[in-house]
Amino acid sequence: MKTDVQRLLPRPVQAVVIAVLLVFALTPVLYMLFASVNDDLAVAGGDFFPSAFHPDNYVHIWDTVELGDGLVNSILVAGLVAVVSALVAVATAYVLVRYTFLGRGLVLRGLLALQSIPGTLMLLPVFVLFANLARVLGIDVIGTRWALFVTYLTFALPFSTWVMVTYLRGLPRELDEAARLDGASSWRILRSIVIPLSWPGLVVSAIFAFLLGWNDVLFASVITNADTRTAAVALQVFGATQEGGAIPLYGQLMASALVCALPVVVLYLVFQRFLVGGLTAGGVK
């Protein structure tokens, strides 16, 4: 009788553990789904399953929460941050990994040090910097999408670069040397060899940058205005208006939260093969 030496638990125990984990993970999601089509009074009373079916909550949120503009702003800013951060990170990491120069170690240690700085400490300096920049240049900075883009890119680049540094260290140098023997330049090697073989690392760094911009409320609530606010800020504002007084619109709150989570779920489903494996530096060797 053959046994699987890699299995830590017997099959029945493993099935039970997986079932318990699924219950813990799916119960909040199911509650949100049921509450999004339930009556607000029933949700306030603690009902888990819908006592009345209200799918119109998904229709009303586009007017009450102003979710449409928020989703557009979030997709534009977070998507652009993800693309730019990944491209800049792979180019920077290529220089840090393949070349030796004065200050290289300091830059690598600085990338790690930047990860330890809490974002809340940077809120006031960023706001003052943008305010002074607007005064000097005579243009609007606070309340624009590009100010939010620069802010998110600043926080996303150190992590993305370090991810790419770790990944590119696994790519064999022989590939670069063979390309140089054929007359390829550094730019050609980066574009034709490094980037095609670095898709898993690029996807990880891009998704991190996207999630940083998508989930942020702190900076977006200060830097944006009513026209450029993101989906996360729109949800926060709508939730704040429901405090006190009448029964909150729980159904629309839950529906809005699910709609805002949908792009992230789709993003994971599309790129999951890169996240869980796909091409690897070890496979190239």
Protein backbone atom coordinates (compact mmCIF):
# COMPACT_ATOMS: atom_id res chain seq x y z
CA MET A 1 0.00 0.00 0.00
CA LYS A 2 1.46 3.32 -1.10
CA THR A 3 1.38 6.32 1.20
CA ASP A 4 1.92 9.98 0.47
CA VAL A 5 4.96 10.91 2.54
CA GLN A 6 4.35 14.61 1.87
CA ARG A 7 0.94 14.66 3.57
CA LEU A 8 1.20 15.98 7.14
CA LEU A 9 -2.29 14.91 8.20
CA PRO A 10 -4.43 11.86 7.44
CA ARG A 11 -6.90 12.45 4.63
CA PRO A 12 -10.04 12.62 6.87
CA VAL A 13 -8.37 15.08 9.26
CA GLN A 14 -7.12 17.11 6.32
CA ALA A 15 -10.66 17.29 4.90
CA VAL A 16 -12.02 18.49 8.24
CA VAL A 17 -9.32 21.16 8.59
CA ILE A 18 -9.97 22.43 5.07
CA ALA A 19 -13.72 22.50 5.72
CA VAL A 20 -13.24 24.50 8.93
CA LEU A 21 -10.94 26.98 7.19
CA LEU A 22 -13.44 27.39 4.35
CA VAL A 23 -16.22 28.11 6.85
CA PHE A 24 -14.13 30.80 8.55
CA ALA A 25 -13.15 32.33 5.21
CA LEU A 26 -16.51 32.15 3.42
CA THR A 27 -18.90 33.03 6.26
CA PRO A 28 -18.15 36.80 6.21
CA VAL A 29 -18.38 36.84 2.41
CA LEU A 30 -21.70 34.99 2.45
CA TYR A 31 -23.01 37.35 5.14
CA MET A 32 -22.13 40.35 2.97
CA LEU A 33 -23.74 38.72 -0.05
CA PHE A 34 -26.96 37.90 1.79
CA ALA A 35 -27.07 41.32 3.50
CA SER A 36 -26.61 43.08 0.17
CA VAL A 37 -29.97 41.72 -1.04
CA ASN A 38 -31.70 41.75 2.36
CA ASP A 39 -34.00 44.28 4.01
CA ASP A 40 -32.22 46.85 6.18
CA LEU A 41 -34.49 46.13 9.16
CA ALA A 42 -33.72 42.42 8.91
CA VAL A 43 -29.98 43.07 8.77
CA ALA A 44 -30.25 45.39 11.77
CA GLY A 45 -32.09 42.61 13.59
CA GLY A 46 -29.22 40.20 13.03
CA ASP A 47 -30.73 37.99 10.31
CA PHE A 48 -28.16 36.00 8.36
CA PHE A 49 -30.38 34.76 5.55
CA PRO A 50 -32.48 37.29 3.59
CA SER A 51 -36.05 37.69 4.83
CA ALA A 52 -36.89 39.72 1.72
CA PHE A 53 -35.13 39.88 -1.63
CA HIS A 54 -33.93 43.38 -2.61
CA PRO A 55 -31.63 43.16 -5.66
CA ASP A 56 -32.37 46.83 -6.34
CA ASN A 57 -29.67 47.66 -3.75
CA TYR A 58 -27.14 47.08 -6.52
CA VAL A 59 -28.96 49.66 -8.64
CA HIS A 60 -29.30 52.35 -5.99
CA ILE A 61 -25.63 52.36 -5.00
CA TRP A 62 -24.64 54.13 -8.22
CA ASP A 63 -26.64 57.17 -7.10
CA THR A 64 -26.46 57.11 -3.30
CA VAL A 65 -22.81 56.09 -2.91
CA GLU A 66 -21.56 57.78 -6.11
CA LEU A 67 -19.64 54.58 -6.74
CA GLY A 68 -19.20 54.99 -10.48
CA ASP A 69 -16.82 57.95 -10.34
CA GLY A 70 -14.96 56.40 -7.42
CA LEU A 71 -14.36 53.14 -9.29
CA VAL A 72 -13.14 55.01 -12.37
CA ASN A 73 -10.71 57.07 -10.30
CA SER A 74 -9.46 54.01 -8.42
CA ILE A 75 -8.94 51.98 -11.59
CA LEU A 76 -7.13 54.82 -13.35
CA VAL A 77 -4.82 55.69 -10.47
CA ALA A 78 -4.17 52.20 -9.09
CA GLY A 79 -3.80 50.69 -12.56
CA LEU A 80 -1.31 53.32 -13.68
CA VAL A 81 0.65 52.95 -10.44
CA ALA A 82 0.80 49.17 -10.95
CA VAL A 83 2.13 49.42 -14.51
CA VAL A 84 4.65 52.20 -13.89
CA SER A 85 5.83 50.71 -10.60
CA ALA A 86 6.47 47.30 -12.16
CA LEU A 87 8.35 48.71 -15.16
CA VAL A 88 10.50 51.09 -13.11
CA ALA A 89 11.14 48.37 -10.52
CA VAL A 90 12.40 45.80 -13.04
CA ALA A 91 14.73 48.35 -14.67
CA THR A 92 16.06 49.50 -11.30
CA ALA A 93 16.46 45.95 -10.04
CA TYR A 94 18.34 44.97 -13.20
CA VAL A 95 20.93 47.69 -12.54
CA LEU A 96 21.22 46.77 -8.86
CA VAL A 97 21.65 43.06 -9.57
CA ARG A 98 23.81 43.07 -12.70
CA TYR A 99 26.13 46.03 -12.01
CA THR A 100 28.52 46.86 -9.17
CA PHE A 101 28.91 50.54 -8.27
CA LEU A 102 29.57 52.77 -5.29
CA GLY A 103 26.52 53.01 -3.04
CA ARG A 104 24.83 49.86 -4.38
CA GLY A 105 24.64 48.24 -0.94
CA LEU A 106 23.34 51.47 0.58
CA VAL A 107 20.53 51.59 -1.98
CA LEU A 108 19.55 47.97 -1.26
CA ARG A 109 19.51 48.58 2.50
CA GLY A 110 17.56 51.77 1.93
CA LEU A 111 14.86 49.86 0.09
CA LEU A 112 14.38 47.67 3.14
CA ALA A 113 14.50 50.61 5.54
CA LEU A 114 11.75 52.44 3.66
CA GLN A 115 9.39 49.55 4.31
CA SER A 116 9.55 50.18 8.05
CA ILE A 117 8.24 53.77 7.83
CA PRO A 118 4.50 53.90 8.67
CA GLY A 119 2.41 55.68 6.07
CA THR A 120 0.63 57.72 8.73
CA LEU A 121 3.88 59.52 9.55
CA MET A 122 4.16 60.65 5.94
CA LEU A 123 0.65 62.06 5.61
CA LEU A 124 1.40 65.58 6.86
CA PRO A 125 4.76 65.94 5.05
CA VAL A 126 3.18 64.83 1.77
CA PHE A 127 0.30 67.27 2.18
CA VAL A 128 2.64 70.18 3.02
CA LEU A 129 4.92 69.28 0.10
CA PHE A 130 2.03 69.29 -2.36
CA ALA A 131 0.66 72.53 -0.92
CA ASN A 132 4.02 74.28 -1.30
CA LEU A 133 4.47 72.83 -4.77
CA ALA A 134 1.11 74.22 -5.82
CA ARG A 135 2.05 77.64 -4.43
CA VAL A 136 5.40 77.71 -6.23
CA LEU A 137 4.19 76.38 -9.58
CA GLY A 138 0.83 78.11 -9.48
CA ILE A 139 -1.07 74.95 -10.42
CA ASP A 140 -3.55 72.72 -8.64
CA VAL A 141 -1.91 69.72 -6.98
CA ILE A 142 -4.11 68.66 -4.08
CA GLY A 143 -7.36 67.30 -5.42
CA THR A 144 -5.84 65.88 -8.62
CA ARG A 145 -5.38 62.29 -9.72
CA TRP A 146 -1.71 62.75 -10.56
CA ALA A 147 -0.93 63.86 -6.98
CA LEU A 148 -2.47 60.62 -5.76
CA PHE A 149 -0.50 58.72 -8.41
CA VAL A 150 2.81 60.22 -7.28
CA THR A 151 1.99 59.45 -3.64
CA TYR A 152 1.17 55.81 -4.27
CA LEU A 153 4.13 55.35 -6.59
CA THR A 154 6.45 56.65 -3.87
CA PHE A 155 5.29 53.99 -1.43
CA ALA A 156 4.99 51.17 -3.98
CA LEU A 157 8.39 51.49 -5.67
CA PRO A 158 10.63 50.36 -2.76
CA PHE A 159 8.73 47.11 -2.22
CA SER A 160 8.32 46.45 -5.93
CA THR A 161 12.01 47.05 -6.54
CA TRP A 162 13.04 44.71 -3.74
CA VAL A 163 10.71 42.01 -5.10
CA MET A 164 12.33 42.33 -8.51
CA VAL A 165 15.84 42.36 -7.01
CA THR A 166 15.08 39.08 -5.27
CA TYR A 167 13.62 37.61 -8.44
CA LEU A 168 16.36 38.74 -10.84
CA ARG A 169 19.01 37.25 -8.59
CA GLY A 170 17.60 33.88 -9.60
CA LEU A 171 18.04 34.51 -13.32
CA PRO A 172 21.38 33.12 -14.57
CA ARG A 173 23.95 35.65 -15.72
CA GLU A 174 24.84 33.33 -18.60
CA LEU A 175 21.79 34.59 -20.46
CA ASP A 176 23.11 38.16 -20.36
CA GLU A 177 26.60 37.07 -21.35
CA ALA A 178 25.32 35.05 -24.31
CA ALA A 179 23.26 38.01 -25.50
CA ARG A 180 26.23 40.39 -25.21
CA LEU A 181 28.32 38.02 -27.32
CA ASP A 182 25.66 38.43 -30.01
CA GLY A 183 25.98 42.20 -29.77
CA ALA A 184 22.91 42.96 -27.66
CA SER A 185 22.89 46.14 -25.61
CA SER A 186 21.78 46.38 -21.97
CA TRP A 187 18.43 47.83 -23.08
CA ARG A 188 17.94 44.98 -25.56
CA ILE A 189 18.78 42.39 -22.88
CA LEU A 190 16.34 43.98 -20.46
CA ARG A 191 13.56 44.22 -23.03
CA SER A 192 14.02 40.89 -24.82
CA ILE A 193 15.34 38.57 -22.08
CA VAL A 194 14.87 39.89 -18.56
CA ILE A 195 11.31 41.19 -18.79
CA PRO A 196 9.86 38.11 -20.62
CA LEU A 197 11.43 35.82 -18.00
CA SER A 198 10.35 38.00 -15.07
CA TRP A 199 6.58 37.92 -15.49
CA PRO A 200 5.86 36.27 -12.10
CA GLY A 201 7.89 38.91 -10.27
CA LEU A 202 6.38 41.69 -12.35
CA VAL A 203 2.87 40.45 -11.60
CA VAL A 204 3.55 40.26 -7.85
CA SER A 205 5.00 43.78 -7.72
CA ALA A 206 2.24 45.19 -9.94
CA ILE A 207 -0.55 43.61 -7.89
CA PHE A 208 0.99 44.89 -4.65
CA ALA A 209 1.13 48.40 -6.10
CA PHE A 210 -2.45 48.09 -7.37
CA LEU A 211 -3.75 46.94 -3.99
CA LEU A 212 -1.88 49.74 -2.23
CA GLY A 213 -3.74 52.31 -4.29
CA TRP A 214 -7.04 50.43 -4.31
CA ASN A 215 -7.30 49.93 -0.55
CA ASP A 216 -5.90 53.26 0.62
CA VAL A 217 -8.25 55.60 2.46
CA LEU A 218 -5.85 57.73 4.50
CA PHE A 219 -4.03 59.58 1.71
CA ALA A 220 -6.97 59.54 -0.70
CA SER A 221 -9.26 61.21 1.84
CA VAL A 222 -6.80 64.09 2.25
CA ILE A 223 -5.40 64.56 -1.25
CA THR A 224 -8.59 64.10 -3.31
CA ASN A 225 -11.75 66.17 -3.59
CA ALA A 226 -15.36 65.32 -4.47
CA ASP A 227 -14.50 64.82 -8.15
CA THR A 228 -11.35 62.73 -7.75
CA ARG A 229 -12.18 60.66 -4.66
CA THR A 230 -11.54 56.94 -4.98
CA ALA A 231 -13.97 54.09 -4.37
CA ALA A 232 -12.57 53.48 -0.88
CA VAL A 233 -13.18 57.11 0.09
CA ALA A 234 -16.67 57.02 -1.44
CA LEU A 235 -17.46 54.01 0.76
CA GLN A 236 -16.06 55.77 3.81
CA VAL A 237 -18.11 58.90 3.17
CA PHE A 238 -21.27 56.88 2.59
CA GLY A 239 -20.69 54.86 5.76
CA ALA A 240 -20.14 58.02 7.79
CA THR A 241 -23.44 59.47 6.59
CA GLN A 242 -25.26 56.39 7.89
CA GLU A 243 -24.19 56.89 11.51
CA GLY A 244 -26.90 57.93 13.94
CA GLY A 245 -30.53 58.66 13.28
CA ALA A 246 -32.49 56.23 11.10
CA ILE A 247 -31.59 52.65 10.28
CA PRO A 248 -28.45 52.59 8.08
CA LEU A 249 -28.72 51.36 4.52
CA TYR A 250 -26.97 48.09 5.29
CA GLY A 251 -27.99 46.51 2.00
CA GLN A 252 -26.40 49.24 -0.08
CA LEU A 253 -23.32 49.31 2.13
CA MET A 254 -22.74 45.59 1.62
CA ALA A 255 -23.53 45.80 -2.09
CA SER A 256 -21.02 48.64 -2.49
CA ALA A 257 -18.35 46.70 -0.63
CA LEU A 258 -18.86 43.65 -2.85
CA VAL A 259 -18.72 45.72 -6.03
CA CYS A 260 -15.48 47.35 -4.86
CA ALA A 261 -13.98 43.94 -4.07
CA LEU A 262 -14.89 42.48 -7.45
CA PRO A 263 -12.02 44.04 -9.49
CA VAL A 264 -9.46 42.65 -7.05
CA VAL A 265 -10.99 39.17 -7.25
CA VAL A 266 -10.98 39.32 -11.05
CA LEU A 267 -7.37 40.50 -10.99
CA TYR A 268 -6.36 37.53 -8.87
CA LEU A 269 -8.25 35.03 -11.02
CA VAL A 270 -6.61 36.37 -14.18
CA PHE A 271 -3.05 36.34 -12.83
CA GLN A 272 -3.20 33.49 -10.33
CA ARG A 273 -1.02 31.21 -12.45
CA PHE A 274 1.78 33.76 -12.17
CA LEU A 275 1.21 34.27 -8.46
CA VAL A 276 1.33 30.58 -7.57
CA GLY A 277 4.19 29.67 -9.85
CA GLY A 278 4.29 29.85 -13.60
CA LEU A 279 7.69 30.86 -14.92
CA THR A 280 10.40 30.84 -12.25
CA ALA A 281 14.03 31.70 -12.20
CA GLY A 282 14.76 28.18 -11.07
CA GLY A 283 12.91 26.85 -14.08
CA VAL A 284 15.02 28.95 -16.42
CA LYS A 285 18.19 27.43 -15.04
